[in-house]
Amino acid sequence: MELLILPKRRFMKSIDTSTQAPVFELKGSVLTVLVLHIRETDADSLYPQLEKKIGQARSFFNSAPLLIDLSAVDEDGQAALDFMFLADTLRKLGVVPVGVRGGAACHGERILQAGLGLLPAIKTERTVATSVETQSSEPETQERKNQPESPSAVTNQAPVVAPTKVISLPVRSGQQVFAPEGDLVILSSVNAGAEVLAAGNIHVYGALRGRAMAGINGDVNARIFSLQCNAELVAVAGEYMVNESLDASLINQSVMISLKDGGLNFQVIGSFNPGS
């Protein structure tokens, strides 16, 4: 969301805004935000671990917006959390905390006083209810099971394949390409400072020097394929690795990145030589 504010003037006069051209817009946007999932609020454990984690890649975390997720912490655990101290500590470490997701309503005032926004926890009840309803529905009669399905019925039951988004031009620094439903195919390079995201797999048929995030909706089977990998960041279903942590043997290799045992797995599938 972008907000353009006119600078203050020393003398202001009454202006009929009904005839003025709009000078700003409020728009929804897809933004990449780091999420800090807090599982325990013990200060003696939380803050040293935060400092160590952020210290491993300070250039990546520097000035990065961060959302604090408390969905895994009960109301009593949240009561023990000093939101003002947490926000100040994160800012001193270089990140920019923007809000809290999943905070208990009784702690809302403390969260706001710390300069943090309030976001509701992610709800899953609807999915569960649908599943239960399906299981409890009345079973089909034997007669209906034996009837052949009409061609139209078969057609209606065909799975819907998520569309693949194909980009033929390089993704330049500052640009973001987003495939909200299916795979993303880049037929060129992803430059440093650029960002590509997909609900499914990501294929980069060029140099990957920016950020690539596959399975952004939680698809643990998503993969990233790169012809020449030297990424600033790669992530699959929320599990990420920054450039500073990449093994030197992987730099500029053709790789496939997937999830394995809760972490990222890099498999070299070839070596790219532009001059060959």
C-alpha atoms as a PDB file:
ATOM      1  CA  MET A   1       0.000   0.000   0.000  1.00  0.00           C
ATOM      2  CA  GLU A   2       1.421   3.334  -1.047  1.00  0.00           C
ATOM      3  CA  LEU A   3       0.388   6.680   0.401  1.00  0.00           C
ATOM      4  CA  LEU A   4       1.487   9.986  -1.078  1.00  0.00           C
ATOM      5  CA  ILE A   5       1.195  12.951   1.292  1.00  0.00           C
ATOM      6  CA  LEU A   6       1.648  16.551   0.179  1.00  0.00           C
ATOM      7  CA  PRO A   7       4.268  18.513   2.158  1.00  0.00           C
ATOM      8  CA  LYS A   8       3.011  20.923   4.803  1.00  0.00           C
ATOM      9  CA  ARG A   9       2.978  24.621   3.971  1.00  0.00           C
ATOM     10  CA  ARG A  10       3.384  27.512   6.360  1.00  0.00           C
ATOM     11  CA  PHE A  11       0.079  29.083   5.301  1.00  0.00           C
ATOM     12  CA  MET A  12      -2.914  26.989   4.304  1.00  0.00           C
ATOM     13  CA  LYS A  13      -6.091  28.160   2.693  1.00  0.00           C
ATOM     14  CA  SER A  14      -9.410  26.425   2.265  1.00  0.00           C
ATOM     15  CA  ILE A  15      -9.516  24.340  -0.934  1.00  0.00           C
ATOM     16  CA  ASP A  16     -12.517  22.719  -2.546  1.00  0.00           C
ATOM     17  CA  THR A  17     -11.272  19.115  -2.767  1.00  0.00           C
ATOM     18  CA  SER A  18     -14.301  17.994  -4.775  1.00  0.00           C
ATOM     19  CA  THR A  19     -12.794  19.554  -7.921  1.00  0.00           C
ATOM     20  CA  GLN A  20      -9.213  18.464  -7.305  1.00  0.00           C
ATOM     21  CA  ALA A  21      -7.594  15.630  -9.196  1.00  0.00           C
ATOM     22  CA  PRO A  22      -6.694  12.770  -6.802  1.00  0.00           C
ATOM     23  CA  VAL A  23      -3.096  12.993  -5.633  1.00  0.00           C
ATOM     24  CA  PHE A  24      -2.819   9.509  -4.085  1.00  0.00           C
ATOM     25  CA  GLU A  25      -4.212   5.991  -4.412  1.00  0.00           C
ATOM     26  CA  LEU A  26      -4.750   3.194  -1.909  1.00  0.00           C
ATOM     27  CA  LYS A  27      -4.258  -0.220  -3.481  1.00  0.00           C
ATOM     28  CA  GLY A  28      -3.899  -3.773  -2.303  1.00  0.00           C
ATOM     29  CA  SER A  29      -0.637  -5.437  -3.227  1.00  0.00           C
ATOM     30  CA  VAL A  30       1.229  -8.722  -2.888  1.00  0.00           C
ATOM     31  CA  LEU A  31       4.264  -8.143  -0.710  1.00  0.00           C
ATOM     32  CA  THR A  32       6.939 -10.483   0.568  1.00  0.00           C
ATOM     33  CA  VAL A  33       7.181 -10.221   4.341  1.00  0.00           C
ATOM     34  CA  LEU A  34       9.319 -12.282   6.670  1.00  0.00           C
ATOM     35  CA  VAL A  35       7.275 -14.032   9.338  1.00  0.00           C
ATOM     36  CA  LEU A  36       8.719 -14.649  12.790  1.00  0.00           C
ATOM     37  CA  HIS A  37       6.854 -17.669  14.194  1.00  0.00           C
ATOM     38  CA  ILE A  38       7.319 -17.492  17.964  1.00  0.00           C
ATOM     39  CA  ARG A  39       6.734 -20.814  19.731  1.00  0.00           C
ATOM     40  CA  GLU A  40       7.956 -19.924  23.233  1.00  0.00           C
ATOM     41  CA  THR A  41       8.176 -16.540  24.925  1.00  0.00           C
ATOM     42  CA  ASP A  42      10.973 -17.238  27.407  1.00  0.00           C
ATOM     43  CA  ALA A  43      13.197 -14.166  27.052  1.00  0.00           C
ATOM     44  CA  ASP A  44      16.389 -16.044  27.985  1.00  0.00           C
ATOM     45  CA  SER A  45      15.935 -18.293  24.948  1.00  0.00           C
ATOM     46  CA  LEU A  46      14.093 -16.054  22.492  1.00  0.00           C
ATOM     47  CA  TYR A  47      16.372 -13.030  22.235  1.00  0.00           C
ATOM     48  CA  PRO A  48      19.771 -14.795  22.017  1.00  0.00           C
ATOM     49  CA  GLN A  49      18.382 -17.048  19.274  1.00  0.00           C
ATOM     50  CA  LEU A  50      16.974 -14.051  17.398  1.00  0.00           C
ATOM     51  CA  GLU A  51      20.301 -12.235  17.541  1.00  0.00           C
ATOM     52  CA  LYS A  52      22.172 -15.320  16.324  1.00  0.00           C
ATOM     53  CA  LYS A  53      19.756 -15.998  13.453  1.00  0.00           C
ATOM     54  CA  ILE A  54      19.678 -12.435  12.160  1.00  0.00           C
ATOM     55  CA  GLY A  55      23.431 -12.112  12.617  1.00  0.00           C
ATOM     56  CA  GLN A  56      23.986 -14.958  10.153  1.00  0.00           C
ATOM     57  CA  ALA A  57      22.746 -12.784   7.268  1.00  0.00           C
ATOM     58  CA  ARG A  58      22.585  -9.156   8.358  1.00  0.00           C
ATOM     59  CA  SER A  59      22.645  -7.806   4.808  1.00  0.00           C
ATOM     60  CA  PHE A  60      19.521  -9.805   3.967  1.00  0.00           C
ATOM     61  CA  PHE A  61      17.606  -8.870   7.113  1.00  0.00           C
ATOM     62  CA  ASN A  62      18.635  -5.212   7.054  1.00  0.00           C
ATOM     63  CA  SER A  63      15.482  -3.020   6.877  1.00  0.00           C
ATOM     64  CA  ALA A  64      13.345  -6.042   5.961  1.00  0.00           C
ATOM     65  CA  PRO A  65       9.673  -5.850   7.044  1.00  0.00           C
ATOM     66  CA  LEU A  66       8.784  -8.566   9.534  1.00  0.00           C
ATOM     67  CA  LEU A  67       5.481  -9.946  10.817  1.00  0.00           C
ATOM     68  CA  ILE A  68       5.354 -11.524  14.286  1.00  0.00           C
ATOM     69  CA  ASP A  69       3.178 -14.650  14.394  1.00  0.00           C
ATOM     70  CA  LEU A  70       1.862 -15.747  17.806  1.00  0.00           C
ATOM     71  CA  SER A  71      -0.555 -18.430  16.607  1.00  0.00           C
ATOM     72  CA  ALA A  72       1.429 -21.121  18.445  1.00  0.00           C
ATOM     73  CA  VAL A  73       1.493 -19.220  21.768  1.00  0.00           C
ATOM     74  CA  ASP A  74      -1.438 -19.413  24.170  1.00  0.00           C
ATOM     75  CA  GLU A  75      -2.907 -16.429  26.010  1.00  0.00           C
ATOM     76  CA  ASP A  76      -0.771 -16.967  29.124  1.00  0.00           C
ATOM     77  CA  GLY A  77       2.381 -17.223  27.043  1.00  0.00           C
ATOM     78  CA  GLN A  78       1.539 -13.977  25.273  1.00  0.00           C
ATOM     79  CA  ALA A  79       0.978 -12.308  28.643  1.00  0.00           C
ATOM     80  CA  ALA A  80       4.630 -12.957  29.482  1.00  0.00           C
ATOM     81  CA  LEU A  81       5.807 -11.260  26.288  1.00  0.00           C
ATOM     82  CA  ASP A  82       6.954  -7.642  26.505  1.00  0.00           C
ATOM     83  CA  PHE A  83       5.836  -6.381  23.079  1.00  0.00           C
ATOM     84  CA  MET A  84       7.582  -3.027  23.484  1.00  0.00           C
ATOM     85  CA  PHE A  85      10.899  -4.717  24.276  1.00  0.00           C
ATOM     86  CA  LEU A  86      10.428  -7.240  21.455  1.00  0.00           C
ATOM     87  CA  ALA A  87       9.749  -4.512  18.892  1.00  0.00           C
ATOM     88  CA  ASP A  88      12.704  -2.411  20.086  1.00  0.00           C
ATOM     89  CA  THR A  89      15.031  -5.425  19.995  1.00  0.00           C
ATOM     90  CA  LEU A  90      14.000  -6.315  16.448  1.00  0.00           C
ATOM     91  CA  ARG A  91      14.555  -2.742  15.290  1.00  0.00           C
ATOM     92  CA  LYS A  92      18.018  -2.681  16.890  1.00  0.00           C
ATOM     93  CA  LEU A  93      18.811  -5.904  15.023  1.00  0.00           C
ATOM     94  CA  GLY A  94      17.972  -4.139  11.767  1.00  0.00           C
ATOM     95  CA  VAL A  95      14.542  -5.508  10.840  1.00  0.00           C
ATOM     96  CA  VAL A  96      11.298  -3.521  10.742  1.00  0.00           C
ATOM     97  CA  PRO A  97       8.467  -5.181  12.719  1.00  0.00           C
ATOM     98  CA  VAL A  98       5.146  -4.215  11.119  1.00  0.00           C
ATOM     99  CA  GLY A  99       2.544  -6.142  13.079  1.00  0.00           C
ATOM    100  CA  VAL A 100       1.412  -9.150  15.082  1.00  0.00           C
ATOM    101  CA  ARG A 101      -0.675 -12.018  13.734  1.00  0.00           C
ATOM    102  CA  GLY A 102      -2.618 -14.276  16.070  1.00  0.00           C
ATOM    103  CA  GLY A 103      -2.365 -12.080  19.148  1.00  0.00           C
ATOM    104  CA  ALA A 104      -5.003 -12.588  21.843  1.00  0.00           C
ATOM    105  CA  ALA A 105      -7.638  -9.849  21.958  1.00  0.00           C
ATOM    106  CA  CYS A 106      -6.828  -9.047  25.590  1.00  0.00           C
ATOM    107  CA  HIS A 107      -3.285  -8.088  24.559  1.00  0.00           C
ATOM    108  CA  GLY A 108      -4.322  -5.894  21.639  1.00  0.00           C
ATOM    109  CA  GLU A 109      -3.738  -2.630  23.479  1.00  0.00           C
ATOM    110  CA  ARG A 110      -0.190  -3.613  24.475  1.00  0.00           C
ATOM    111  CA  ILE A 111       0.557  -4.601  20.884  1.00  0.00           C
ATOM    112  CA  LEU A 112      -0.675  -1.262  19.558  1.00  0.00           C
ATOM    113  CA  GLN A 113       1.309   0.644  22.183  1.00  0.00           C
ATOM    114  CA  ALA A 114       4.438  -1.075  20.850  1.00  0.00           C
ATOM    115  CA  GLY A 115       3.735   0.471  17.450  1.00  0.00           C
ATOM    116  CA  LEU A 116       2.633  -2.806  15.864  1.00  0.00           C
ATOM    117  CA  GLY A 117      -0.406  -3.536  13.739  1.00  0.00           C
ATOM    118  CA  LEU A 118      -2.972  -6.253  14.512  1.00  0.00           C
ATOM    119  CA  LEU A 119      -3.691  -9.113  12.123  1.00  0.00           C
ATOM    120  CA  PRO A 120      -6.024 -12.047  12.825  1.00  0.00           C
ATOM    121  CA  ALA A 121      -4.735 -15.603  12.957  1.00  0.00           C
ATOM    122  CA  ILE A 122      -5.086 -17.697   9.815  1.00  0.00           C
ATOM    123  CA  LYS A 123      -8.374 -19.586   9.971  1.00  0.00           C
ATOM    124  CA  THR A 124      -8.708 -23.244   8.975  1.00  0.00           C
ATOM    125  CA  GLU A 125     -12.209 -24.011  10.280  1.00  0.00           C
ATOM    126  CA  ARG A 126     -13.810 -23.741   6.852  1.00  0.00           C
ATOM    127  CA  THR A 127     -11.616 -26.455   5.377  1.00  0.00           C
ATOM    128  CA  VAL A 128     -12.257 -28.765   8.319  1.00  0.00           C
ATOM    129  CA  ALA A 129     -16.008 -28.216   8.134  1.00  0.00           C
ATOM    130  CA  THR A 130     -16.037 -29.043   4.443  1.00  0.00           C
ATOM    131  CA  SER A 131     -14.121 -32.245   5.078  1.00  0.00           C
ATOM    132  CA  VAL A 132     -16.476 -33.331   7.854  1.00  0.00           C
ATOM    133  CA  GLU A 133     -19.510 -32.548   5.727  1.00  0.00           C
ATOM    134  CA  THR A 134     -18.159 -34.667   2.890  1.00  0.00           C
ATOM    135  CA  GLN A 135     -17.526 -37.621   5.159  1.00  0.00           C
ATOM    136  CA  SER A 136     -20.952 -37.446   6.782  1.00  0.00           C
ATOM    137  CA  SER A 137     -22.927 -37.122   3.555  1.00  0.00           C
ATOM    138  CA  GLU A 138     -25.408 -39.907   2.784  1.00  0.00           C
ATOM    139  CA  PRO A 139     -23.785 -42.796   0.871  1.00  0.00           C
ATOM    140  CA  GLU A 140     -24.894 -43.393  -2.676  1.00  0.00           C
ATOM    141  CA  THR A 141     -27.318 -46.219  -3.345  1.00  0.00           C
ATOM    142  CA  GLN A 142     -26.050 -49.292  -5.150  1.00  0.00           C
ATOM    143  CA  GLU A 143     -28.322 -48.498  -8.086  1.00  0.00           C
ATOM    144  CA  ARG A 144     -26.769 -45.064  -8.534  1.00  0.00           C
ATOM    145  CA  LYS A 145     -23.243 -46.470  -8.296  1.00  0.00           C
ATOM    146  CA  ASN A 146     -23.974 -48.953 -11.079  1.00  0.00           C
ATOM    147  CA  GLN A 147     -25.278 -46.314 -13.479  1.00  0.00           C
ATOM    148  CA  PRO A 148     -22.720 -45.185 -16.077  1.00  0.00           C
ATOM    149  CA  GLU A 149     -21.783 -41.546 -15.834  1.00  0.00           C
ATOM    150  CA  SER A 150     -22.835 -39.297 -18.665  1.00  0.00           C
ATOM    151  CA  PRO A 151     -20.097 -37.576 -20.707  1.00  0.00           C
ATOM    152  CA  SER A 152     -21.138 -34.215 -19.267  1.00  0.00           C
ATOM    153  CA  ALA A 153     -20.749 -35.534 -15.723  1.00  0.00           C
ATOM    154  CA  VAL A 154     -17.261 -36.838 -16.500  1.00  0.00           C
ATOM    155  CA  THR A 155     -16.349 -33.488 -18.022  1.00  0.00           C
ATOM    156  CA  ASN A 156     -17.593 -31.611 -14.977  1.00  0.00           C
ATOM    157  CA  GLN A 157     -15.448 -33.769 -12.696  1.00  0.00           C
ATOM    158  CA  ALA A 158     -12.238 -33.132 -14.641  1.00  0.00           C
ATOM    159  CA  PRO A 159      -9.618 -31.555 -12.379  1.00  0.00           C
ATOM    160  CA  VAL A 160      -8.927 -27.884 -12.853  1.00  0.00           C
ATOM    161  CA  VAL A 161      -5.273 -27.375 -13.780  1.00  0.00           C
ATOM    162  CA  ALA A 162      -3.754 -24.188 -12.426  1.00  0.00           C
ATOM    163  CA  PRO A 163      -2.385 -21.989 -15.220  1.00  0.00           C
ATOM    164  CA  THR A 164       1.352 -21.663 -15.768  1.00  0.00           C
ATOM    165  CA  LYS A 165       2.719 -18.141 -16.033  1.00  0.00           C
ATOM    166  CA  VAL A 166       5.509 -17.727 -18.601  1.00  0.00           C
ATOM    167  CA  ILE A 167       7.810 -14.689 -18.672  1.00  0.00           C
ATOM    168  CA  SER A 168      10.133 -14.347 -21.662  1.00  0.00           C
ATOM    169  CA  LEU A 169      12.010 -11.194 -20.629  1.00  0.00           C
ATOM    170  CA  PRO A 170      14.602 -10.783 -17.864  1.00  0.00           C
ATOM    171  CA  VAL A 171      13.208  -9.899 -14.436  1.00  0.00           C
ATOM    172  CA  ARG A 172      15.099  -6.756 -13.521  1.00  0.00           C
ATOM    173  CA  SER A 173      16.122  -5.356 -10.147  1.00  0.00           C
ATOM    174  CA  GLY A 174      13.134  -4.011  -8.236  1.00  0.00           C
ATOM    175  CA  GLN A 175      10.607  -6.026 -10.247  1.00  0.00           C
ATOM    176  CA  GLN A 176       8.348  -8.731  -8.812  1.00  0.00           C
ATOM    177  CA  VAL A 177       6.679 -11.522 -10.790  1.00  0.00           C
ATOM    178  CA  PHE A 178       3.917 -13.472  -9.047  1.00  0.00           C
ATOM    179  CA  ALA A 179       2.090 -16.647 -10.114  1.00  0.00           C
ATOM    180  CA  PRO A 180      -0.702 -16.921  -7.502  1.00  0.00           C
ATOM    181  CA  GLU A 181      -2.070 -20.309  -8.596  1.00  0.00           C
ATOM    182  CA  GLY A 182       0.299 -22.431 -10.661  1.00  0.00           C
ATOM    183  CA  ASP A 183       3.899 -22.687 -11.832  1.00  0.00           C
ATOM    184  CA  LEU A 184       6.122 -19.833 -12.958  1.00  0.00           C
ATOM    185  CA  VAL A 185       8.502 -20.190 -15.902  1.00  0.00           C
ATOM    186  CA  ILE A 186      11.168 -17.544 -16.541  1.00  0.00           C
ATOM    187  CA  LEU A 187      12.796 -17.946 -19.963  1.00  0.00           C
ATOM    188  CA  SER A 188      15.590 -15.545 -19.053  1.00  0.00           C
ATOM    189  CA  SER A 189      17.439 -14.384 -15.955  1.00  0.00           C
ATOM    190  CA  VAL A 190      16.285 -13.068 -12.580  1.00  0.00           C
ATOM    191  CA  ASN A 191      18.593 -10.201 -11.678  1.00  0.00           C
ATOM    192  CA  ALA A 192      19.808  -9.283  -8.206  1.00  0.00           C
ATOM    193  CA  GLY A 193      17.148  -7.253  -6.428  1.00  0.00           C
ATOM    194  CA  ALA A 194      14.324  -8.935  -8.360  1.00  0.00           C
ATOM    195  CA  GLU A 195      11.780 -11.312  -6.882  1.00  0.00           C
ATOM    196  CA  VAL A 196       9.791 -14.225  -8.319  1.00  0.00           C
ATOM    197  CA  LEU A 197       7.033 -16.053  -6.410  1.00  0.00           C
ATOM    198  CA  ALA A 198       4.732 -18.937  -7.282  1.00  0.00           C
ATOM    199  CA  ALA A 199       2.139 -21.148  -5.655  1.00  0.00           C
ATOM    200  CA  GLY A 200       3.704 -24.059  -7.537  1.00  0.00           C
ATOM    201  CA  ASN A 201       7.145 -24.662  -9.038  1.00  0.00           C
ATOM    202  CA  ILE A 202       9.565 -22.053 -10.354  1.00  0.00           C
ATOM    203  CA  HIS A 203      11.699 -22.675 -13.451  1.00  0.00           C
ATOM    204  CA  VAL A 204      14.448 -20.183 -14.297  1.00  0.00           C
ATOM    205  CA  TYR A 205      16.106 -20.887 -17.665  1.00  0.00           C
ATOM    206  CA  GLY A 206      18.868 -18.399 -17.009  1.00  0.00           C
ATOM    207  CA  ALA A 207      20.847 -16.993 -14.106  1.00  0.00           C
ATOM    208  CA  LEU A 208      18.990 -16.765 -10.795  1.00  0.00           C
ATOM    209  CA  ARG A 209      20.579 -13.919  -8.841  1.00  0.00           C
ATOM    210  CA  GLY A 210      17.510 -12.471  -7.110  1.00  0.00           C
ATOM    211  CA  ARG A 211      14.948 -14.074  -4.824  1.00  0.00           C
ATOM    212  CA  ALA A 212      12.837 -17.106  -5.713  1.00  0.00           C
ATOM    213  CA  MET A 213      10.005 -18.394  -3.513  1.00  0.00           C
ATOM    214  CA  ALA A 214       8.039 -21.484  -4.569  1.00  0.00           C
ATOM    215  CA  GLY A 215       5.067 -23.090  -2.827  1.00  0.00           C
ATOM    216  CA  ILE A 216       4.094 -19.796  -1.202  1.00  0.00           C
ATOM    217  CA  ASN A 217       0.710 -21.213  -0.163  1.00  0.00           C
ATOM    218  CA  GLY A 218       2.354 -24.094   1.685  1.00  0.00           C
ATOM    219  CA  ASP A 219       2.880 -26.642  -1.117  1.00  0.00           C
ATOM    220  CA  VAL A 220       5.683 -28.788   0.311  1.00  0.00           C
ATOM    221  CA  ASN A 221       6.072 -30.596  -3.026  1.00  0.00           C
ATOM    222  CA  ALA A 222       6.996 -27.417  -4.893  1.00  0.00           C
ATOM    223  CA  ARG A 223      10.458 -27.096  -6.413  1.00  0.00           C
ATOM    224  CA  ILE A 224      12.792 -24.474  -7.809  1.00  0.00           C
ATOM    225  CA  PHE A 225      14.785 -25.242 -10.958  1.00  0.00           C
ATOM    226  CA  SER A 226      17.592 -22.894 -11.942  1.00  0.00           C
ATOM    227  CA  LEU A 227      19.982 -23.114 -14.870  1.00  0.00           C
ATOM    228  CA  GLN A 228      22.572 -21.012 -13.039  1.00  0.00           C
ATOM    229  CA  CYS A 229      22.000 -20.523  -9.315  1.00  0.00           C
ATOM    230  CA  ASN A 230      23.526 -17.685  -7.337  1.00  0.00           C
ATOM    231  CA  ALA A 231      20.355 -16.498  -5.632  1.00  0.00           C
ATOM    232  CA  GLU A 232      20.029 -13.860  -2.939  1.00  0.00           C
ATOM    233  CA  LEU A 233      17.376 -16.074  -1.382  1.00  0.00           C
ATOM    234  CA  VAL A 234      15.502 -19.270  -2.221  1.00  0.00           C
ATOM    235  CA  ALA A 235      12.471 -20.587  -0.350  1.00  0.00           C
ATOM    236  CA  VAL A 236      10.071 -23.515  -0.641  1.00  0.00           C
ATOM    237  CA  ALA A 237       6.865 -23.488   1.424  1.00  0.00           C
ATOM    238  CA  GLY A 238       8.383 -20.949   3.815  1.00  0.00           C
ATOM    239  CA  GLU A 239      11.704 -22.728   4.403  1.00  0.00           C
ATOM    240  CA  TYR A 240      14.412 -20.410   3.099  1.00  0.00           C
ATOM    241  CA  MET A 241      18.148 -20.000   2.647  1.00  0.00           C
ATOM    242  CA  VAL A 242      20.086 -16.827   1.901  1.00  0.00           C
ATOM    243  CA  ASN A 243      23.100 -16.467  -0.371  1.00  0.00           C
ATOM    244  CA  GLU A 244      25.568 -16.299   2.500  1.00  0.00           C
ATOM    245  CA  SER A 245      24.506 -19.803   3.561  1.00  0.00           C
ATOM    246  CA  LEU A 246      24.758 -21.423   0.111  1.00  0.00           C
ATOM    247  CA  ASP A 247      27.455 -24.051  -0.289  1.00  0.00           C
ATOM    248  CA  ALA A 248      30.197 -22.723  -2.568  1.00  0.00           C
ATOM    249  CA  SER A 249      29.944 -25.856  -4.711  1.00  0.00           C
ATOM    250  CA  LEU A 250      26.379 -24.867  -5.693  1.00  0.00           C
ATOM    251  CA  ILE A 251      27.181 -21.382  -6.964  1.00  0.00           C
ATOM    252  CA  ASN A 252      26.437 -20.995 -10.693  1.00  0.00           C
ATOM    253  CA  GLN A 253      25.449 -24.660 -11.001  1.00  0.00           C
ATOM    254  CA  SER A 254      22.204 -25.968 -12.480  1.00  0.00           C
ATOM    255  CA  VAL A 255      20.198 -27.071  -9.462  1.00  0.00           C
ATOM    256  CA  MET A 256      16.851 -28.385  -8.290  1.00  0.00           C
ATOM    257  CA  ILE A 257      15.757 -27.181  -4.864  1.00  0.00           C
ATOM    258  CA  SER A 258      13.137 -29.057  -2.850  1.00  0.00           C
ATOM    259  CA  LEU A 259      12.070 -29.760   0.718  1.00  0.00           C
ATOM    260  CA  LYS A 260      13.516 -32.743   2.558  1.00  0.00           C
ATOM    261  CA  ASP A 261      13.285 -33.516   6.278  1.00  0.00           C
ATOM    262  CA  GLY A 262      12.011 -30.019   7.018  1.00  0.00           C
ATOM    263  CA  GLY A 263      14.859 -28.207   5.256  1.00  0.00           C
ATOM    264  CA  LEU A 264      15.969 -27.246   1.769  1.00  0.00           C
ATOM    265  CA  ASN A 265      17.659 -29.892  -0.358  1.00  0.00           C
ATOM    266  CA  PHE A 266      19.898 -28.846  -3.275  1.00  0.00           C
ATOM    267  CA  GLN A 267      20.523 -31.296  -6.080  1.00  0.00           C
ATOM    268  CA  VAL A 268      22.997 -30.409  -8.824  1.00  0.00           C
ATOM    269  CA  ILE A 269      21.490 -31.468 -12.150  1.00  0.00           C
ATOM    270  CA  GLY A 270      24.160 -30.065 -14.439  1.00  0.00           C
ATOM    271  CA  SER A 271      26.698 -27.355 -15.056  1.00  0.00           C
ATOM    272  CA  PHE A 272      25.851 -24.334 -17.193  1.00  0.00           C
ATOM    273  CA  ASN A 273      28.528 -22.878 -19.452  1.00  0.00           C
ATOM    274  CA  PRO A 274      27.224 -20.019 -21.618  1.00  0.00           C
ATOM    275  CA  GLY A 275      30.257 -20.205 -23.877  1.00  0.00           C
ATOM    276  CA  SER A 276      29.858 -23.877 -24.798  1.00  0.00           C
END
